[in-house]
Amino acid sequence: MLLIRNLHAGYGDVPVLWGVDLKVEHGDIACLVGSNGAGKTTLLRALSGLLPPNSGSIVFEGRELAGAEPERILGAGIAHVPEGRRLFSAMSVRDNLLMGAYLRRDGAHAIGRDLERMYGLFPILRERQAQDAGTLSGGEQQMCAVARGLMSAPRLLVIDELSLGLAPAVVDQLCDALRRLNQEGLTLLVVEQDVATALELAQHAFVMDTGRVTRSGSSETLRNDPAIREAYLGAI
C-alpha cells in the first residue's frame, strides 16, 4: 500500500531524514518506534505533505506523492492525526469531526452515517458533541482527533504519538478501537513512544534512529530482539 524509498528531508539546512526506506502492506497495523529526535514526526510530516522532502519517493497505492500538497495526499486516502491532537479548540466536538470530512463529495447522508459510526466507536464523543473541544480531557481529545481523521474516510490512517500523556485505561480503549477498525479493513501506521504498547498493537514494526530505519520486522521478532529489549523495553 505504502512504499517509501530513500527519503531525505529536514528543516532548512538541518537534515533529519537520511534515506528512509519503509513499506506498509494493505490491512496492516504498522508501528514506528524510536527515541526522541529520531525523526519519526518528521517522517510523518513528509508523508502527509506538511514538509516537502528533499529527495526520495513516497508511493501510495501506485501513485507518487512525494512533495504533493496535503490536500492531494488527504484526497488520495492518507489521513494524519498529528502529535498534540491539534483540535479546533473553540469549535464543538461535532464540528471538529465534520471538519475531518471537508474534502468528501459523497453527500450528507454518508457523512452523517460516519459521524454516527464515530459516536459508536467513542461513545464519550456523543455525550460531548456540543462541548468545545478545548475543554475535553486529554484522552477525550485524542479520541476526537482520531475520529476527525477517520471522518475523511481514509484507507491509511497515520497517528503520531497515540498514547502520549494518557492514562493506561484510555490507551487500552484507543488500541481496542484501532484493532476494531483494522479488522474492518483500515490500514494503520502508528508512531508510539511506548514501545511495549506499540509492539503489542502492531503486526509489523520499524525502528528509527538518527533519521534512518535501522531495524524492521514482525512485532514478535522485534519484541524478542535482545538489542530492542535492552534499548526500549528495560530488559536484556
Protein backbone atom coordinates (compact mmCIF):
# COMPACT_ATOMS: atom_id res chain seq x y z
CA MET A 1 0.00 0.00 0.00
CA LEU A 2 2.75 2.44 1.01
CA LEU A 3 6.33 2.32 -0.20
CA ILE A 4 8.86 4.94 0.94
CA ARG A 5 12.27 4.79 -0.69
CA ASN A 6 15.46 6.70 0.07
CA LEU A 7 13.57 9.62 1.62
CA HIS A 8 15.61 12.65 2.69
CA ALA A 9 14.03 15.60 4.49
CA GLY A 10 14.83 18.26 7.04
CA TYR A 11 14.26 21.83 8.15
CA GLY A 12 16.20 24.48 6.28
CA ASP A 13 19.84 23.45 6.25
CA VAL A 14 19.33 20.88 9.01
CA PRO A 15 18.85 17.33 7.63
CA VAL A 16 16.72 14.97 9.71
CA LEU A 17 15.87 12.00 7.48
CA TRP A 18 18.73 10.17 5.79
CA GLY A 19 17.47 7.78 3.15
CA VAL A 20 14.46 6.28 4.92
CA ASP A 21 13.01 3.07 3.48
CA LEU A 22 9.67 1.81 4.76
CA LYS A 23 6.86 -0.42 3.46
CA VAL A 24 3.32 -0.87 4.78
CA GLU A 25 1.09 -3.61 3.36
CA HIS A 26 -2.68 -3.41 2.90
CA GLY A 27 -4.50 -4.40 6.06
CA ASP A 28 -1.51 -3.98 8.38
CA ILE A 29 -1.12 -2.20 11.66
CA ALA A 30 2.48 -0.99 11.45
CA CYS A 31 4.26 0.96 14.16
CA LEU A 32 7.23 3.28 14.05
CA VAL A 33 9.27 3.48 17.24
CA GLY A 34 12.47 5.16 18.34
CA SER A 35 13.89 7.66 20.77
CA ASN A 36 13.03 11.36 20.83
CA GLY A 37 14.71 13.14 17.94
CA ALA A 38 14.99 10.01 15.81
CA GLY A 39 12.94 11.58 13.01
CA LYS A 40 9.57 9.87 13.46
CA THR A 41 7.44 13.02 13.38
CA THR A 42 9.48 14.43 10.51
CA LEU A 43 8.78 11.29 8.52
CA LEU A 44 5.04 11.60 9.12
CA ARG A 45 5.11 15.28 8.18
CA ALA A 46 6.84 14.41 4.91
CA LEU A 47 4.36 11.62 4.29
CA SER A 48 1.34 13.89 4.77
CA GLY A 49 2.73 16.82 2.76
CA LEU A 50 3.39 19.16 5.68
CA LEU A 51 7.14 19.03 4.97
CA PRO A 52 8.35 18.76 1.36
CA PRO A 53 11.08 16.10 1.14
CA ASN A 54 14.44 16.99 -0.32
CA SER A 55 14.57 13.78 -2.34
CA GLY A 56 13.20 10.26 -2.44
CA SER A 57 9.93 8.57 -3.24
CA ILE A 58 6.58 8.12 -1.48
CA VAL A 59 4.31 5.79 -3.44
CA PHE A 60 0.79 5.18 -2.12
CA GLU A 61 -1.34 2.63 -3.95
CA GLY A 62 0.80 3.09 -7.04
CA ARG A 63 0.73 6.91 -7.01
CA GLU A 64 3.83 9.01 -6.39
CA LEU A 65 3.04 11.56 -3.66
CA ALA A 66 6.46 12.90 -2.63
CA GLY A 67 6.18 16.68 -2.48
CA ALA A 68 2.41 16.71 -3.08
CA GLU A 69 0.22 19.23 -1.26
CA PRO A 70 -1.52 17.99 1.91
CA GLU A 71 -4.95 18.32 0.29
CA ARG A 72 -3.92 15.98 -2.53
CA ILE A 73 -2.48 13.46 -0.08
CA LEU A 74 -5.63 13.52 2.04
CA GLY A 75 -7.70 13.13 -1.12
CA ALA A 76 -5.57 10.13 -2.09
CA GLY A 77 -6.62 8.39 1.13
CA ILE A 78 -3.98 9.19 3.79
CA ALA A 79 -5.17 10.92 6.97
CA HIS A 80 -2.71 12.21 9.57
CA VAL A 81 -3.57 12.51 13.27
CA PRO A 82 -0.82 14.87 14.46
CA GLU A 83 1.13 14.86 17.69
CA GLY A 84 -0.62 17.03 20.25
CA ARG A 85 -4.06 16.43 18.67
CA ARG A 86 -4.29 19.93 17.11
CA LEU A 87 -8.05 20.20 17.51
CA PHE A 88 -10.01 23.37 16.78
CA SER A 89 -10.32 24.15 20.46
CA ALA A 90 -13.10 26.77 20.23
CA MET A 91 -15.27 24.57 17.99
CA SER A 92 -17.60 21.85 19.23
CA VAL A 93 -16.66 18.19 19.12
CA ARG A 94 -19.25 17.63 16.39
CA ASP A 95 -17.88 20.46 14.26
CA ASN A 96 -14.34 19.15 14.70
CA LEU A 97 -15.47 15.79 13.38
CA LEU A 98 -17.28 17.37 10.45
CA MET A 99 -14.13 19.32 9.60
CA GLY A 100 -12.47 15.97 9.02
CA ALA A 101 -14.91 15.37 6.17
CA TYR A 102 -14.32 18.66 4.36
CA LEU A 103 -12.91 17.05 1.20
CA ARG A 104 -15.60 14.40 0.88
CA ARG A 105 -18.03 14.55 -2.01
CA ASP A 106 -20.18 11.53 -1.21
CA GLY A 107 -23.05 13.50 0.31
CA ALA A 108 -24.51 14.45 3.66
CA HIS A 109 -26.07 11.03 4.22
CA ALA A 110 -22.73 9.22 4.03
CA ILE A 111 -21.03 11.81 6.24
CA GLY A 112 -23.86 11.59 8.78
CA ARG A 113 -23.58 7.80 8.77
CA ASP A 114 -19.84 8.03 9.52
CA LEU A 115 -20.48 10.61 12.24
CA GLU A 116 -22.76 8.09 13.94
CA ARG A 117 -20.08 5.46 13.44
CA MET A 118 -17.57 7.66 15.30
CA TYR A 119 -20.02 8.11 18.15
CA GLY A 120 -20.38 4.33 18.29
CA LEU A 121 -16.61 3.87 18.31
CA PHE A 122 -16.07 6.51 21.02
CA PRO A 123 -19.37 6.93 22.92
CA ILE A 124 -17.99 9.75 25.08
CA LEU A 125 -17.85 11.93 21.95
CA ARG A 126 -21.63 11.67 21.57
CA GLU A 127 -22.02 12.89 25.14
CA ARG A 128 -19.57 15.73 24.50
CA GLN A 129 -20.65 16.57 20.92
CA ALA A 130 -21.84 20.09 21.78
CA GLN A 131 -18.88 20.83 24.04
CA ASP A 132 -15.89 22.89 22.87
CA ALA A 133 -13.07 20.51 22.01
CA GLY A 134 -10.58 22.53 24.05
CA THR A 135 -12.45 21.68 27.25
CA LEU A 136 -12.12 17.92 26.82
CA SER A 137 -9.74 15.77 28.84
CA GLY A 138 -6.54 14.61 27.15
CA GLY A 139 -7.95 11.19 26.40
CA GLU A 140 -11.18 12.61 25.02
CA GLN A 141 -9.19 14.99 22.83
CA GLN A 142 -7.18 12.10 21.41
CA MET A 143 -10.38 10.20 20.66
CA CYS A 144 -11.74 13.30 18.94
CA ALA A 145 -8.52 13.70 16.92
CA VAL A 146 -8.58 10.07 15.79
CA ALA A 147 -12.27 10.30 14.94
CA ARG A 148 -11.70 13.52 12.98
CA GLY A 149 -9.04 11.74 10.92
CA LEU A 150 -11.42 8.83 10.30
CA MET A 151 -14.12 11.21 9.08
CA SER A 152 -12.09 11.76 5.91
CA ALA A 153 -12.76 8.06 5.10
CA PRO A 154 -9.06 7.24 4.72
CA ARG A 155 -7.57 3.96 3.59
CA LEU A 156 -4.40 4.65 5.60
CA LEU A 157 -4.62 6.34 8.99
CA VAL A 158 -1.34 7.73 10.33
CA ILE A 159 -1.22 8.57 14.04
CA ASP A 160 1.64 10.45 15.71
CA GLU A 161 2.17 9.63 19.41
CA LEU A 162 -1.05 7.78 20.15
CA SER A 163 -0.59 7.39 23.91
CA LEU A 164 1.48 10.44 24.90
CA GLY A 165 0.31 11.79 28.26
CA LEU A 166 -2.68 9.46 28.53
CA ALA A 167 -3.76 7.13 31.31
CA PRO A 168 -3.28 3.40 30.64
CA ALA A 169 -7.04 2.74 30.62
CA VAL A 170 -7.52 5.34 27.88
CA VAL A 171 -4.64 3.90 25.87
CA ASP A 172 -6.25 0.46 26.10
CA GLN A 173 -9.54 1.90 24.85
CA LEU A 174 -7.84 3.61 21.91
CA CYS A 175 -5.92 0.46 21.00
CA ASP A 176 -9.10 -1.62 21.12
CA ALA A 177 -10.78 0.86 18.77
CA LEU A 178 -7.85 0.74 16.35
CA ARG A 179 -7.87 -3.06 16.31
CA ARG A 180 -11.58 -2.99 15.54
CA LEU A 181 -11.01 -0.55 12.67
CA ASN A 182 -8.19 -2.70 11.35
CA GLN A 183 -10.44 -5.77 11.40
CA GLU A 184 -12.89 -3.74 9.28
CA GLY A 185 -10.15 -3.17 6.70
CA LEU A 186 -8.36 0.05 7.69
CA THR A 187 -4.56 0.12 7.41
CA LEU A 188 -2.69 1.99 10.15
CA LEU A 189 0.78 3.43 10.69
CA VAL A 190 1.27 4.46 14.31
CA VAL A 191 4.15 6.38 15.87
CA GLU A 192 4.31 5.42 19.53
CA GLN A 193 6.75 6.41 22.27
CA ASP A 194 5.66 3.48 24.44
CA VAL A 195 7.45 0.67 22.62
CA ALA A 196 5.75 -2.12 24.58
CA THR A 197 2.32 -0.75 23.66
CA ALA A 198 3.38 -0.30 20.03
CA LEU A 199 4.66 -3.86 19.67
CA GLU A 200 1.52 -5.24 21.29
CA LEU A 201 -0.76 -3.23 18.97
CA ALA A 202 1.05 -3.66 15.65
CA GLN A 203 1.79 -6.62 13.43
CA HIS A 204 4.91 -5.06 11.93
CA ALA A 205 7.36 -2.54 13.35
CA PHE A 206 10.09 -0.18 12.22
CA VAL A 207 12.79 1.24 14.48
CA MET A 208 14.17 4.68 13.68
CA ASP A 209 17.49 6.00 14.91
CA THR A 210 19.14 9.30 13.85
CA GLY A 211 16.96 9.69 10.79
CA ARG A 212 17.19 6.15 9.46
CA VAL A 213 15.16 2.97 9.76
CA THR A 214 17.68 0.66 11.43
CA ARG A 215 15.50 -2.39 12.11
CA SER A 216 12.22 -3.75 10.81
CA GLY A 217 10.24 -6.93 11.02
CA SER A 218 7.28 -8.52 12.74
CA SER A 219 6.42 -7.14 16.15
CA GLU A 220 7.11 -10.53 17.69
CA THR A 221 10.59 -10.64 16.15
CA LEU A 222 11.47 -7.18 17.43
CA ARG A 223 9.97 -7.87 20.84
CA ASN A 224 12.35 -10.81 21.18
CA ASP A 225 15.38 -8.95 19.80
CA PRO A 226 17.87 -8.55 22.70
CA ALA A 227 19.04 -5.15 21.42
CA ILE A 228 15.47 -3.84 21.26
CA ARG A 229 14.65 -5.25 24.67
CA GLU A 230 17.72 -3.63 26.21
CA ALA A 231 17.26 -0.27 24.50
CA TYR A 232 13.48 0.17 24.73
CA LEU A 233 11.84 -2.43 26.95
CA GLY A 234 14.04 -2.26 30.02
CA ALA A 235 15.15 -5.88 29.79
CA ILE A 236 18.04 -7.92 28.46
